[in-house]
Amino acid sequence: MRDITRYLPLYKAVTIQELSLDADARLEPARPYAIPKPVVYYGSSITQGGCASNPGGSCQAIHERKLNADFVNLGFSGNGLGEPALAEAICELDPSCIVLDFWGNPSADQYAAALPVFVDILRKKWPRLPILVTGPFYFPAEEGGGDVAREQSAKRRTAREFVEQRRRAGDRKIWYVDGLKMLSRDQAAGLVDGVHCNSLGFYFNALGLEPYLRKALR
């Protein structure tokens, strides 16, 4: 017997009408995950999985295999803005850990305003649930300075300083993840358009985030 995992499309709704098996095949329940509750990821199209070449190539799917942990992907293309309603919706779930990866869509000012409110809502429900806050990874457009560089730097500073402030106040179950450790300048071949990851980029993302996830789930 062997376990089979089916990854569904990243950008298309799908209805499974049937699965064809050999006539003498036998089905049994899959072995449970090593982590009993799923990891919840919230963010933008980057979180959603654009533009992995196949559904199993997203950062979350890679972690599912490496950590033996199921996941809930709440990546919303163009709409990961950190609205309080999304935090309230996450509070209806039962996660082992939450990864807040929504730096991609809001402006730096919007991000700075949304992040504390979002975390406060989660903390009212789960005072000690592990939360990882990622900062922006590398955008090639930063090389030219200007607005992109300023926005990316401001978001990194916001995420880092917010988490440091929370930890100084006693919240030891929140961690900042430097996005440049998830995809750096030297790993820019992992981008398809200077913003979104290809499968290689998501592999880099997964490797950079994995140590933090393992620590949070330990």
N, C-alpha and C. Protein backbone atom coordinates (compact mmCIF):
# COMPACT_ATOMS: atom_id res chain seq x y z
N MET A 1 0.84 -1.19 0.00
CA MET A 1 0.00 0.00 0.00
C MET A 1 0.88 1.25 0.00
N ARG A 2 0.38 2.32 -0.59
CA ARG A 2 1.09 3.60 -0.60
C ARG A 2 0.11 4.75 -0.51
N ASP A 3 0.57 5.85 0.08
CA ASP A 3 -0.26 7.05 0.17
C ASP A 3 -0.15 7.84 -1.13
N ILE A 4 -1.28 8.36 -1.58
CA ILE A 4 -1.34 9.18 -2.79
C ILE A 4 -1.89 10.55 -2.40
N THR A 5 -1.18 11.61 -2.78
CA THR A 5 -1.65 12.97 -2.55
C THR A 5 -1.98 13.61 -3.89
N ARG A 6 -3.17 14.18 -3.99
CA ARG A 6 -3.58 14.88 -5.21
C ARG A 6 -3.59 16.39 -4.93
N TYR A 7 -2.81 17.13 -5.69
CA TYR A 7 -2.78 18.59 -5.57
C TYR A 7 -3.72 19.18 -6.64
N LEU A 8 -4.63 20.01 -6.19
CA LEU A 8 -5.62 20.57 -7.11
C LEU A 8 -5.08 21.86 -7.73
N PRO A 9 -5.63 22.29 -8.88
CA PRO A 9 -5.11 23.45 -9.61
C PRO A 9 -5.00 24.70 -8.73
N LEU A 10 -4.00 25.51 -9.01
CA LEU A 10 -3.74 26.69 -8.22
C LEU A 10 -4.65 27.86 -8.58
N TYR A 11 -5.10 27.91 -9.84
CA TYR A 11 -5.87 29.07 -10.30
C TYR A 11 -7.20 28.70 -10.95
N LYS A 12 -7.63 27.48 -10.84
CA LYS A 12 -8.87 27.07 -11.46
C LYS A 12 -9.73 26.31 -10.45
N ALA A 13 -11.03 26.59 -10.46
CA ALA A 13 -11.96 25.76 -9.70
C ALA A 13 -12.05 24.40 -10.38
N VAL A 14 -12.27 23.36 -9.60
CA VAL A 14 -12.29 22.03 -10.17
C VAL A 14 -13.33 21.18 -9.45
N THR A 15 -13.97 20.32 -10.21
CA THR A 15 -14.88 19.33 -9.65
C THR A 15 -14.35 17.96 -10.00
N ILE A 16 -14.10 17.14 -9.00
CA ILE A 16 -13.64 15.77 -9.25
C ILE A 16 -14.87 14.89 -9.46
N GLN A 17 -15.03 14.40 -10.69
CA GLN A 17 -16.20 13.59 -11.02
C GLN A 17 -15.95 12.11 -10.77
N GLU A 18 -14.73 11.67 -10.97
CA GLU A 18 -14.44 10.27 -10.71
C GLU A 18 -12.93 10.05 -10.67
N LEU A 19 -12.52 8.99 -10.00
CA LEU A 19 -11.15 8.51 -10.01
C LEU A 19 -11.19 7.06 -10.49
N SER A 20 -10.39 6.74 -11.48
CA SER A 20 -10.39 5.39 -12.05
C SER A 20 -9.29 4.56 -11.40
N LEU A 21 -9.64 3.38 -10.98
CA LEU A 21 -8.71 2.47 -10.32
C LEU A 21 -8.73 1.12 -11.01
N ASP A 22 -7.65 0.37 -10.85
CA ASP A 22 -7.65 -1.02 -11.32
C ASP A 22 -8.74 -1.80 -10.59
N ALA A 23 -9.26 -2.80 -11.28
CA ALA A 23 -10.39 -3.56 -10.72
C ALA A 23 -10.02 -4.23 -9.40
N ASP A 24 -8.77 -4.63 -9.23
CA ASP A 24 -8.37 -5.32 -8.00
C ASP A 24 -7.72 -4.39 -6.99
N ALA A 25 -7.82 -3.08 -7.21
CA ALA A 25 -7.22 -2.12 -6.28
C ALA A 25 -8.00 -2.09 -4.97
N ARG A 26 -7.30 -1.77 -3.91
CA ARG A 26 -7.91 -1.68 -2.58
C ARG A 26 -7.59 -0.32 -1.98
N LEU A 27 -8.59 0.32 -1.38
CA LEU A 27 -8.43 1.65 -0.78
C LEU A 27 -8.50 1.55 0.74
N GLU A 28 -7.61 2.29 1.39
CA GLU A 28 -7.64 2.41 2.84
C GLU A 28 -7.42 3.87 3.20
N PRO A 29 -7.83 4.30 4.38
CA PRO A 29 -7.56 5.69 4.79
C PRO A 29 -6.05 5.96 4.80
N ALA A 30 -5.68 7.17 4.42
CA ALA A 30 -4.26 7.53 4.41
C ALA A 30 -3.72 7.61 5.83
N ARG A 31 -2.42 7.47 5.95
CA ARG A 31 -1.79 7.67 7.25
C ARG A 31 -1.95 9.13 7.66
N PRO A 32 -2.17 9.40 8.94
CA PRO A 32 -2.35 10.80 9.37
C PRO A 32 -1.05 11.58 9.21
N TYR A 33 -1.20 12.90 9.05
CA TYR A 33 -0.03 13.77 9.00
C TYR A 33 0.69 13.76 10.34
N ALA A 34 1.98 14.05 10.31
CA ALA A 34 2.75 14.14 11.55
C ALA A 34 2.29 15.33 12.39
N ILE A 35 1.85 16.40 11.74
CA ILE A 35 1.29 17.57 12.43
C ILE A 35 -0.23 17.45 12.33
N PRO A 36 -0.93 17.31 13.45
CA PRO A 36 -2.37 16.98 13.38
C PRO A 36 -3.25 18.09 12.82
N LYS A 37 -2.80 19.36 12.91
CA LYS A 37 -3.61 20.47 12.41
C LYS A 37 -2.88 21.15 11.26
N PRO A 38 -3.61 21.72 10.31
CA PRO A 38 -2.95 22.32 9.13
C PRO A 38 -2.27 23.65 9.44
N VAL A 39 -1.27 23.97 8.62
CA VAL A 39 -0.67 25.30 8.64
C VAL A 39 -1.51 26.20 7.74
N VAL A 40 -1.89 27.36 8.22
CA VAL A 40 -2.69 28.31 7.44
C VAL A 40 -1.77 29.40 6.90
N TYR A 41 -1.80 29.58 5.58
CA TYR A 41 -1.02 30.63 4.92
C TYR A 41 -1.98 31.69 4.40
N TYR A 42 -1.70 32.96 4.69
CA TYR A 42 -2.54 34.04 4.17
C TYR A 42 -1.67 35.03 3.40
N GLY A 43 -2.12 35.40 2.20
CA GLY A 43 -1.34 36.36 1.43
C GLY A 43 -1.94 36.66 0.07
N SER A 44 -1.06 36.93 -0.88
CA SER A 44 -1.41 37.41 -2.21
C SER A 44 -1.29 36.29 -3.25
N SER A 45 -1.15 36.68 -4.51
CA SER A 45 -0.97 35.68 -5.57
C SER A 45 0.32 34.89 -5.38
N ILE A 46 1.31 35.50 -4.73
CA ILE A 46 2.55 34.78 -4.45
C ILE A 46 2.25 33.61 -3.52
N THR A 47 1.45 33.87 -2.49
CA THR A 47 1.03 32.80 -1.58
C THR A 47 0.15 31.79 -2.31
N GLN A 48 -0.71 32.29 -3.18
CA GLN A 48 -1.63 31.41 -3.89
C GLN A 48 -0.90 30.37 -4.73
N GLY A 49 0.28 30.72 -5.23
CA GLY A 49 1.05 29.75 -6.00
C GLY A 49 1.41 30.19 -7.40
N GLY A 50 1.15 31.47 -7.73
CA GLY A 50 1.52 31.94 -9.06
C GLY A 50 2.99 32.36 -9.10
N CYS A 51 3.80 31.74 -9.98
CA CYS A 51 3.38 30.97 -11.15
C CYS A 51 4.12 29.62 -11.17
N ALA A 52 3.79 28.74 -10.23
CA ALA A 52 4.39 27.41 -10.23
C ALA A 52 3.95 26.66 -11.48
N SER A 53 4.81 25.79 -11.99
CA SER A 53 4.49 25.08 -13.23
C SER A 53 3.51 23.94 -13.01
N ASN A 54 3.31 23.54 -11.76
CA ASN A 54 2.32 22.50 -11.47
C ASN A 54 1.82 22.70 -10.04
N PRO A 55 0.64 22.15 -9.69
CA PRO A 55 0.06 22.41 -8.38
C PRO A 55 0.90 21.92 -7.21
N GLY A 56 1.75 20.94 -7.45
CA GLY A 56 2.61 20.44 -6.38
C GLY A 56 3.87 21.24 -6.19
N GLY A 57 4.03 22.32 -6.97
CA GLY A 57 5.24 23.10 -6.92
C GLY A 57 5.15 24.36 -6.09
N SER A 58 4.02 24.63 -5.46
CA SER A 58 3.91 25.82 -4.62
C SER A 58 4.72 25.65 -3.35
N CYS A 59 5.02 26.75 -2.70
CA CYS A 59 5.76 26.71 -1.44
C CYS A 59 5.03 25.84 -0.42
N GLN A 60 3.71 25.99 -0.35
CA GLN A 60 2.93 25.24 0.64
C GLN A 60 2.94 23.74 0.36
N ALA A 61 2.84 23.37 -0.92
CA ALA A 61 2.87 21.95 -1.26
C ALA A 61 4.23 21.33 -0.95
N ILE A 62 5.28 22.10 -1.16
CA ILE A 62 6.62 21.61 -0.82
C ILE A 62 6.74 21.38 0.68
N HIS A 63 6.24 22.33 1.47
CA HIS A 63 6.25 22.15 2.93
C HIS A 63 5.40 20.96 3.35
N GLU A 64 4.30 20.76 2.65
CA GLU A 64 3.43 19.62 3.00
C GLU A 64 4.21 18.32 2.93
N ARG A 65 5.04 18.20 1.91
CA ARG A 65 5.82 16.97 1.76
C ARG A 65 7.00 16.93 2.73
N LYS A 66 7.69 18.05 2.90
CA LYS A 66 8.90 18.05 3.71
C LYS A 66 8.59 17.95 5.21
N LEU A 67 7.48 18.56 5.64
CA LEU A 67 7.14 18.59 7.06
C LEU A 67 6.07 17.56 7.43
N ASN A 68 5.49 16.92 6.42
CA ASN A 68 4.37 16.00 6.65
C ASN A 68 3.26 16.71 7.41
N ALA A 69 2.86 17.88 6.87
CA ALA A 69 1.85 18.73 7.50
C ALA A 69 0.90 19.25 6.43
N ASP A 70 -0.39 19.10 6.65
CA ASP A 70 -1.38 19.62 5.72
C ASP A 70 -1.41 21.15 5.80
N PHE A 71 -2.07 21.79 4.85
CA PHE A 71 -2.11 23.25 4.83
C PHE A 71 -3.43 23.76 4.30
N VAL A 72 -3.74 25.00 4.64
CA VAL A 72 -4.86 25.75 4.07
C VAL A 72 -4.25 26.97 3.40
N ASN A 73 -4.46 27.11 2.10
CA ASN A 73 -3.87 28.21 1.34
C ASN A 73 -4.91 29.31 1.14
N LEU A 74 -4.73 30.41 1.84
CA LEU A 74 -5.60 31.58 1.70
C LEU A 74 -4.83 32.69 0.99
N GLY A 75 -4.28 32.36 -0.17
CA GLY A 75 -3.64 33.35 -1.02
C GLY A 75 -4.63 33.86 -2.03
N PHE A 76 -4.83 35.17 -2.08
CA PHE A 76 -5.84 35.77 -2.96
C PHE A 76 -5.16 36.70 -3.95
N SER A 77 -5.16 36.31 -5.20
CA SER A 77 -4.45 37.06 -6.22
C SER A 77 -4.95 38.50 -6.30
N GLY A 78 -4.06 39.45 -6.02
CA GLY A 78 -4.40 40.86 -6.08
C GLY A 78 -5.21 41.36 -4.91
N ASN A 79 -5.53 40.51 -3.96
CA ASN A 79 -6.46 40.90 -2.89
C ASN A 79 -6.00 40.50 -1.50
N GLY A 80 -4.70 40.27 -1.32
CA GLY A 80 -4.20 39.98 0.02
C GLY A 80 -3.85 41.26 0.74
N LEU A 81 -4.85 41.96 1.22
CA LEU A 81 -4.67 43.31 1.76
C LEU A 81 -4.70 43.37 3.28
N GLY A 82 -4.87 42.24 3.94
CA GLY A 82 -4.86 42.24 5.40
C GLY A 82 -6.12 42.81 6.02
N GLU A 83 -7.27 42.63 5.38
CA GLU A 83 -8.51 43.14 5.94
C GLU A 83 -8.88 42.40 7.23
N PRO A 84 -9.44 43.10 8.22
CA PRO A 84 -9.86 42.46 9.47
C PRO A 84 -10.81 41.29 9.24
N ALA A 85 -11.66 41.38 8.22
CA ALA A 85 -12.61 40.30 7.95
C ALA A 85 -11.89 38.99 7.66
N LEU A 86 -10.72 39.07 7.03
CA LEU A 86 -9.97 37.85 6.75
C LEU A 86 -9.38 37.26 8.03
N ALA A 87 -8.94 38.13 8.93
CA ALA A 87 -8.45 37.64 10.23
C ALA A 87 -9.59 36.96 10.98
N GLU A 88 -10.78 37.54 10.93
CA GLU A 88 -11.93 36.92 11.60
C GLU A 88 -12.25 35.57 10.97
N ALA A 89 -12.12 35.48 9.65
CA ALA A 89 -12.38 34.21 8.98
C ALA A 89 -11.36 33.15 9.38
N ILE A 90 -10.10 33.55 9.49
CA ILE A 90 -9.06 32.61 9.92
C ILE A 90 -9.36 32.10 11.33
N CYS A 91 -9.96 32.94 12.15
CA CYS A 91 -10.30 32.54 13.52
C CYS A 91 -11.34 31.43 13.56
N GLU A 92 -12.00 31.15 12.45
CA GLU A 92 -12.97 30.05 12.39
C GLU A 92 -12.29 28.72 12.07
N LEU A 93 -11.01 28.76 11.77
CA LEU A 93 -10.26 27.55 11.43
C LEU A 93 -9.59 26.99 12.69
N ASP A 94 -8.87 25.90 12.51
CA ASP A 94 -8.20 25.25 13.64
C ASP A 94 -6.76 24.92 13.23
N PRO A 95 -5.90 25.94 13.14
CA PRO A 95 -4.56 25.73 12.61
C PRO A 95 -3.53 25.33 13.66
N SER A 96 -2.42 24.79 13.18
CA SER A 96 -1.27 24.55 14.05
C SER A 96 -0.35 25.77 14.07
N CYS A 97 -0.42 26.58 13.02
CA CYS A 97 0.47 27.73 12.86
C CYS A 97 -0.13 28.61 11.76
N ILE A 98 0.13 29.90 11.82
CA ILE A 98 -0.34 30.83 10.78
C ILE A 98 0.86 31.56 10.20
N VAL A 99 0.92 31.59 8.87
CA VAL A 99 1.97 32.32 8.16
C VAL A 99 1.32 33.53 7.49
N LEU A 100 1.69 34.72 7.94
CA LEU A 100 1.17 35.96 7.36
C LEU A 100 2.15 36.45 6.31
N ASP A 101 1.73 36.33 5.04
CA ASP A 101 2.61 36.55 3.89
C ASP A 101 1.98 37.56 2.93
N PHE A 102 1.27 38.56 3.52
CA PHE A 102 0.45 39.44 2.66
C PHE A 102 1.12 40.77 2.34
N TRP A 103 2.43 40.81 2.30
CA TRP A 103 3.14 42.05 2.00
C TRP A 103 3.04 42.46 0.53
N GLY A 104 2.64 41.55 -0.36
CA GLY A 104 2.73 41.80 -1.79
C GLY A 104 1.75 42.81 -2.35
N ASN A 105 0.52 42.87 -1.82
CA ASN A 105 -0.52 43.70 -2.43
C ASN A 105 -0.68 45.10 -1.84
N PRO A 106 -0.65 45.27 -0.52
CA PRO A 106 -0.87 46.62 0.01
C PRO A 106 0.34 47.53 -0.20
N SER A 107 0.07 48.82 -0.17
CA SER A 107 1.18 49.78 -0.14
C SER A 107 1.88 49.67 1.21
N ALA A 108 3.02 50.31 1.33
CA ALA A 108 3.75 50.27 2.60
C ALA A 108 2.91 50.85 3.73
N ASP A 109 2.21 51.94 3.46
CA ASP A 109 1.36 52.55 4.50
C ASP A 109 0.19 51.64 4.86
N GLN A 110 -0.43 51.05 3.85
CA GLN A 110 -1.54 50.14 4.12
C GLN A 110 -1.07 48.92 4.93
N TYR A 111 0.09 48.42 4.57
CA TYR A 111 0.64 47.26 5.28
C TYR A 111 0.91 47.60 6.74
N ALA A 112 1.50 48.77 6.98
CA ALA A 112 1.83 49.18 8.34
C ALA A 112 0.57 49.35 9.19
N ALA A 113 -0.53 49.77 8.56
CA ALA A 113 -1.78 49.93 9.30
C ALA A 113 -2.49 48.60 9.52
N ALA A 114 -2.39 47.70 8.55
CA ALA A 114 -3.16 46.46 8.61
C ALA A 114 -2.54 45.40 9.51
N LEU A 115 -1.21 45.29 9.50
CA LEU A 115 -0.55 44.18 10.19
C LEU A 115 -0.87 44.13 11.69
N PRO A 116 -0.76 45.22 12.45
CA PRO A 116 -1.07 45.14 13.88
C PRO A 116 -2.52 44.74 14.16
N VAL A 117 -3.45 45.28 13.39
CA VAL A 117 -4.86 44.95 13.59
C VAL A 117 -5.11 43.48 13.31
N PHE A 118 -4.52 42.99 12.25
CA PHE A 118 -4.69 41.59 11.86
C PHE A 118 -4.20 40.67 12.98
N VAL A 119 -3.01 40.93 13.47
CA VAL A 119 -2.44 40.08 14.52
C VAL A 119 -3.23 40.20 15.81
N ASP A 120 -3.69 41.40 16.15
CA ASP A 120 -4.48 41.57 17.37
C ASP A 120 -5.74 40.70 17.33
N ILE A 121 -6.38 40.63 16.18
CA ILE A 121 -7.58 39.79 16.06
C ILE A 121 -7.24 38.32 16.27
N LEU A 122 -6.15 37.88 15.68
CA LEU A 122 -5.73 36.49 15.85
C LEU A 122 -5.37 36.20 17.31
N ARG A 123 -4.70 37.14 17.95
CA ARG A 123 -4.26 36.92 19.32
C ARG A 123 -5.42 36.89 20.31
N LYS A 124 -6.52 37.56 20.00
CA LYS A 124 -7.69 37.47 20.87
C LYS A 124 -8.24 36.05 20.89
N LYS A 125 -8.11 35.36 19.77
CA LYS A 125 -8.58 33.97 19.70
C LYS A 125 -7.51 33.00 20.20
N TRP A 126 -6.27 33.23 19.81
CA TRP A 126 -5.17 32.30 20.14
C TRP A 126 -4.00 33.08 20.74
N PRO A 127 -3.94 33.24 22.04
CA PRO A 127 -2.85 34.02 22.64
C PRO A 127 -1.46 33.44 22.40
N ARG A 128 -1.37 32.11 22.19
CA ARG A 128 -0.05 31.50 22.06
C ARG A 128 0.11 30.66 20.79
N LEU A 129 -0.74 30.82 19.84
CA LEU A 129 -0.59 30.09 18.58
C LEU A 129 0.62 30.64 17.81
N PRO A 130 1.48 29.79 17.26
CA PRO A 130 2.63 30.29 16.49
C PRO A 130 2.19 31.10 15.27
N ILE A 131 2.79 32.27 15.10
CA ILE A 131 2.53 33.14 13.95
C ILE A 131 3.87 33.52 13.34
N LEU A 132 4.01 33.33 12.03
CA LEU A 132 5.18 33.78 11.29
C LEU A 132 4.79 34.95 10.40
N VAL A 133 5.55 36.02 10.46
CA VAL A 133 5.32 37.20 9.62
C VAL A 133 6.48 37.32 8.65
N THR A 134 6.21 37.15 7.37
CA THR A 134 7.27 37.24 6.37
C THR A 134 7.42 38.67 5.86
N GLY A 135 8.65 39.04 5.57
CA GLY A 135 8.90 40.30 4.89
C GLY A 135 9.07 40.07 3.40
N PRO A 136 9.11 41.13 2.60
CA PRO A 136 9.24 40.98 1.15
C PRO A 136 10.53 40.28 0.75
N PHE A 137 10.41 39.42 -0.27
CA PHE A 137 11.63 38.88 -0.86
C PHE A 137 12.13 39.85 -1.93
N TYR A 138 13.17 39.46 -2.63
CA TYR A 138 13.86 40.36 -3.55
C TYR A 138 13.06 40.61 -4.83
N PHE A 139 12.94 41.88 -5.18
CA PHE A 139 12.39 42.29 -6.48
C PHE A 139 13.54 42.90 -7.29
N PRO A 140 13.80 42.45 -8.51
CA PRO A 140 14.85 43.06 -9.31
C PRO A 140 14.68 44.56 -9.51
N ALA A 141 13.43 45.04 -9.50
CA ALA A 141 13.19 46.47 -9.71
C ALA A 141 13.77 47.32 -8.58
N GLU A 142 14.11 46.70 -7.45
CA GLU A 142 14.73 47.44 -6.36
C GLU A 142 16.09 48.00 -6.76
N GLU A 143 16.72 47.36 -7.74
CA GLU A 143 18.07 47.79 -8.14
C GLU A 143 18.07 49.22 -8.66
N GLY A 144 16.94 49.64 -9.22
CA GLY A 144 16.88 51.00 -9.77
C GLY A 144 16.49 52.05 -8.76
N GLY A 145 16.34 51.67 -7.49
CA GLY A 145 15.92 52.63 -6.48
C GLY A 145 14.47 53.03 -6.72
N GLY A 146 14.11 54.25 -6.40
CA GLY A 146 12.77 54.74 -6.65
C GLY A 146 11.72 54.12 -5.75
N ASP A 147 10.46 54.15 -6.23
CA ASP A 147 9.33 53.75 -5.41
C ASP A 147 9.39 52.29 -4.98
N VAL A 148 9.77 51.40 -5.89
CA VAL A 148 9.79 49.98 -5.54
C VAL A 148 10.77 49.71 -4.40
N ALA A 149 11.94 50.25 -4.49
CA ALA A 149 12.93 50.05 -3.44
C ALA A 149 12.45 50.63 -2.11
N ARG A 150 11.86 51.83 -2.16
CA ARG A 150 11.37 52.44 -0.92
C ARG A 150 10.24 51.62 -0.30
N GLU A 151 9.31 51.16 -1.14
CA GLU A 151 8.18 50.38 -0.64
C GLU A 151 8.64 49.06 -0.02
N GLN A 152 9.53 48.36 -0.73
CA GLN A 152 10.01 47.08 -0.22
C GLN A 152 10.76 47.27 1.10
N SER A 153 11.62 48.27 1.17
CA SER A 153 12.37 48.53 2.39
C SER A 153 11.45 48.89 3.54
N ALA A 154 10.44 49.70 3.26
CA ALA A 154 9.50 50.11 4.31
C ALA A 154 8.71 48.92 4.84
N LYS A 155 8.30 48.03 3.95
CA LYS A 155 7.55 46.85 4.40
C LYS A 155 8.43 45.91 5.22
N ARG A 156 9.67 45.75 4.81
CA ARG A 156 10.59 44.92 5.60
C ARG A 156 10.76 45.51 7.00
N ARG A 157 10.93 46.82 7.05
CA ARG A 157 11.13 47.49 8.33
C ARG A 157 9.88 47.37 9.20
N THR A 158 8.72 47.54 8.60
CA THR A 158 7.47 47.42 9.34
C THR A 158 7.32 46.04 9.95
N ALA A 159 7.50 45.00 9.14
CA ALA A 159 7.33 43.63 9.63
C ALA A 159 8.32 43.31 10.73
N ARG A 160 9.59 43.66 10.51
CA ARG A 160 10.63 43.35 11.50
C ARG A 160 10.39 44.09 12.81
N GLU A 161 10.13 45.39 12.73
CA GLU A 161 9.96 46.18 13.95
C GLU A 161 8.69 45.80 14.68
N PHE A 162 7.63 45.47 13.94
CA PHE A 162 6.38 45.05 14.59
C PHE A 162 6.60 43.78 15.39
N VAL A 163 7.25 42.79 14.78
CA VAL A 163 7.48 41.53 15.48
C VAL A 163 8.41 41.75 16.68
N GLU A 164 9.45 42.54 16.52
CA GLU A 164 10.34 42.83 17.64
C GLU A 164 9.59 43.48 18.79
N GLN A 165 8.70 44.40 18.47
CA GLN A 165 7.91 45.06 19.50
C GLN A 165 7.00 44.06 20.22
N ARG A 166 6.35 43.19 19.46
CA ARG A 166 5.48 42.18 20.07
C ARG A 166 6.28 41.26 21.00
N ARG A 167 7.45 40.84 20.55
CA ARG A 167 8.25 39.93 21.36
C ARG A 167 8.75 40.60 22.64
N ARG A 168 9.14 41.89 22.54
CA ARG A 168 9.55 42.62 23.74
C ARG A 168 8.41 42.75 24.73
N ALA A 169 7.18 42.79 24.20
CA ALA A 169 6.00 42.90 25.07
C ALA A 169 5.57 41.56 25.65
N GLY A 170 6.28 40.47 25.27
CA GLY A 170 6.00 39.18 25.88
C GLY A 170 5.41 38.13 24.96
N ASP A 171 5.14 38.49 23.72
CA ASP A 171 4.60 37.51 22.76
C ASP A 171 5.76 36.73 22.16
N ARG A 172 6.08 35.58 22.73
CA ARG A 172 7.22 34.79 22.29
C ARG A 172 6.85 33.77 21.22
N LYS A 173 5.62 33.80 20.75
CA LYS A 173 5.17 32.84 19.74
C LYS A 173 4.95 33.52 18.39
N ILE A 174 5.63 34.62 18.17
CA ILE A 174 5.58 35.29 16.88
C ILE A 174 7.01 35.50 16.41
N TRP A 175 7.24 35.26 15.12
CA TRP A 175 8.59 35.36 14.56
C TRP A 175 8.55 36.14 13.26
N TYR A 176 9.60 36.89 13.02
CA TYR A 176 9.78 37.57 11.73
C TYR A 176 10.65 36.70 10.83
N VAL A 177 10.24 36.56 9.59
CA VAL A 177 11.00 35.81 8.59
C VAL A 177 11.48 36.80 7.53
N ASP A 178 12.76 36.99 7.44
CA ASP A 178 13.33 37.89 6.44
C ASP A 178 13.09 37.30 5.05
N GLY A 179 12.31 38.02 4.24
CA GLY A 179 12.00 37.52 2.91
C GLY A 179 13.22 37.33 2.03
N LEU A 180 14.29 38.06 2.32
CA LEU A 180 15.51 37.92 1.53
C LEU A 180 16.19 36.58 1.79
N LYS A 181 15.78 35.88 2.84
CA LYS A 181 16.26 34.52 3.06
C LYS A 181 15.38 33.51 2.34
N MET A 182 14.24 33.97 1.82
CA MET A 182 13.34 33.11 1.05
C MET A 182 13.60 33.25 -0.45
N LEU A 183 14.04 34.44 -0.86
CA LEU A 183 14.45 34.64 -2.25
C LEU A 183 15.31 35.88 -2.30
N SER A 184 16.58 35.69 -2.60
CA SER A 184 17.55 36.78 -2.57
C SER A 184 17.90 37.24 -3.98
N ARG A 185 18.76 38.23 -4.06
CA ARG A 185 19.22 38.72 -5.36
C ARG A 185 19.87 37.61 -6.17
N ASP A 186 20.62 36.75 -5.52
CA ASP A 186 21.30 35.66 -6.21
C ASP A 186 20.34 34.57 -6.68
N GLN A 187 19.10 34.65 -6.23
CA GLN A 187 18.11 33.63 -6.59
C GLN A 187 17.04 34.18 -7.53
N ALA A 188 17.33 35.30 -8.17
CA ALA A 188 16.33 35.96 -9.01
C ALA A 188 15.90 35.12 -10.20
N ALA A 189 16.65 34.08 -10.54
CA ALA A 189 16.19 33.16 -11.59
C ALA A 189 14.92 32.43 -11.18
N GLY A 190 14.55 32.55 -9.92
CA GLY A 190 13.32 31.94 -9.44
C GLY A 190 12.09 32.79 -9.65
N LEU A 191 12.21 33.88 -10.42
CA LEU A 191 11.08 34.76 -10.69
C LEU A 191 10.73 34.73 -12.18
N VAL A 192 9.44 34.81 -12.49
CA VAL A 192 9.03 34.81 -13.90
C VAL A 192 8.87 36.23 -14.45
N ASP A 193 8.56 37.18 -13.59
CA ASP A 193 8.27 38.54 -14.05
C ASP A 193 8.86 39.59 -13.12
N GLY A 194 9.81 39.19 -12.31
CA GLY A 194 10.38 40.11 -11.34
C GLY A 194 9.56 40.23 -10.08
N VAL A 195 8.44 39.52 -10.00
CA VAL A 195 7.54 39.58 -8.84
C VAL A 195 7.11 38.19 -8.39
N HIS A 196 6.60 37.40 -9.33
CA HIS A 196 6.03 36.09 -8.99
C HIS A 196 7.07 34.98 -9.17
N CYS A 197 6.93 33.97 -8.34
CA CYS A 197 7.88 32.85 -8.38
C CYS A 197 7.50 31.84 -9.45
N ASN A 198 8.53 31.24 -10.06
CA ASN A 198 8.32 30.00 -10.80
C ASN A 198 8.55 28.86 -9.81
N SER A 199 8.57 27.62 -10.31
CA SER A 199 8.71 26.49 -9.39
C SER A 199 10.04 26.55 -8.63
N LEU A 200 11.10 27.01 -9.30
CA LEU A 200 12.38 27.14 -8.63
C LEU A 200 12.29 28.18 -7.51
N GLY A 201 11.62 29.28 -7.78
CA GLY A 201 11.47 30.32 -6.77
C GLY A 201 10.71 29.83 -5.55
N PHE A 202 9.67 29.04 -5.79
CA PHE A 202 8.93 28.50 -4.65
C PHE A 202 9.77 27.49 -3.87
N TYR A 203 10.66 26.79 -4.55
CA TYR A 203 11.58 25.90 -3.85
C TYR A 203 12.50 26.73 -2.94
N PHE A 204 13.00 27.85 -3.46
CA PHE A 204 13.81 28.75 -2.63
C PHE A 204 12.99 29.26 -1.44
N ASN A 205 11.74 29.67 -1.71
CA ASN A 205 10.86 30.15 -0.64
C ASN A 205 10.70 29.11 0.44
N ALA A 206 10.43 27.88 0.01
CA ALA A 206 10.19 26.80 0.97
C ALA A 206 11.42 26.53 1.82
N LEU A 207 12.60 26.53 1.20
CA LEU A 207 13.83 26.28 1.95
C LEU A 207 14.07 27.39 2.98
N GLY A 208 13.81 28.64 2.60
CA GLY A 208 14.05 29.75 3.52
C GLY A 208 13.08 29.78 4.68
N LEU A 209 11.83 29.40 4.43
CA LEU A 209 10.80 29.44 5.46
C LEU A 209 10.82 28.20 6.36
N GLU A 210 11.31 27.10 5.83
CA GLU A 210 11.21 25.81 6.53
C GLU A 210 11.79 25.84 7.95
N PRO A 211 13.00 26.39 8.19
CA PRO A 211 13.52 26.35 9.56
C PRO A 211 12.62 27.06 10.56
N TYR A 212 11.98 28.14 10.14
CA TYR A 212 11.08 28.87 11.02
C TYR A 212 9.81 28.07 11.31
N LEU A 213 9.30 27.41 10.27
CA LEU A 213 8.13 26.56 10.47
C LEU A 213 8.44 25.41 11.41
N ARG A 214 9.58 24.79 11.22
CA ARG A 214 9.94 23.67 12.10
C ARG A 214 10.05 24.13 13.55
N LYS A 215 10.64 25.31 13.75
CA LYS A 215 10.73 25.85 15.11
C LYS A 215 9.35 26.14 15.69
N ALA A 216 8.49 26.72 14.88
CA ALA A 216 7.15 27.07 15.36
C ALA A 216 6.32 25.82 15.67
N LEU A 217 6.50 24.77 14.89
CA LEU A 217 5.68 23.57 15.05
C LEU A 217 6.28 22.59 16.04
N ARG A 218 7.49 22.85 16.52
CA ARG A 218 8.17 21.91 17.39
C ARG A 218 7.41 21.71 18.70
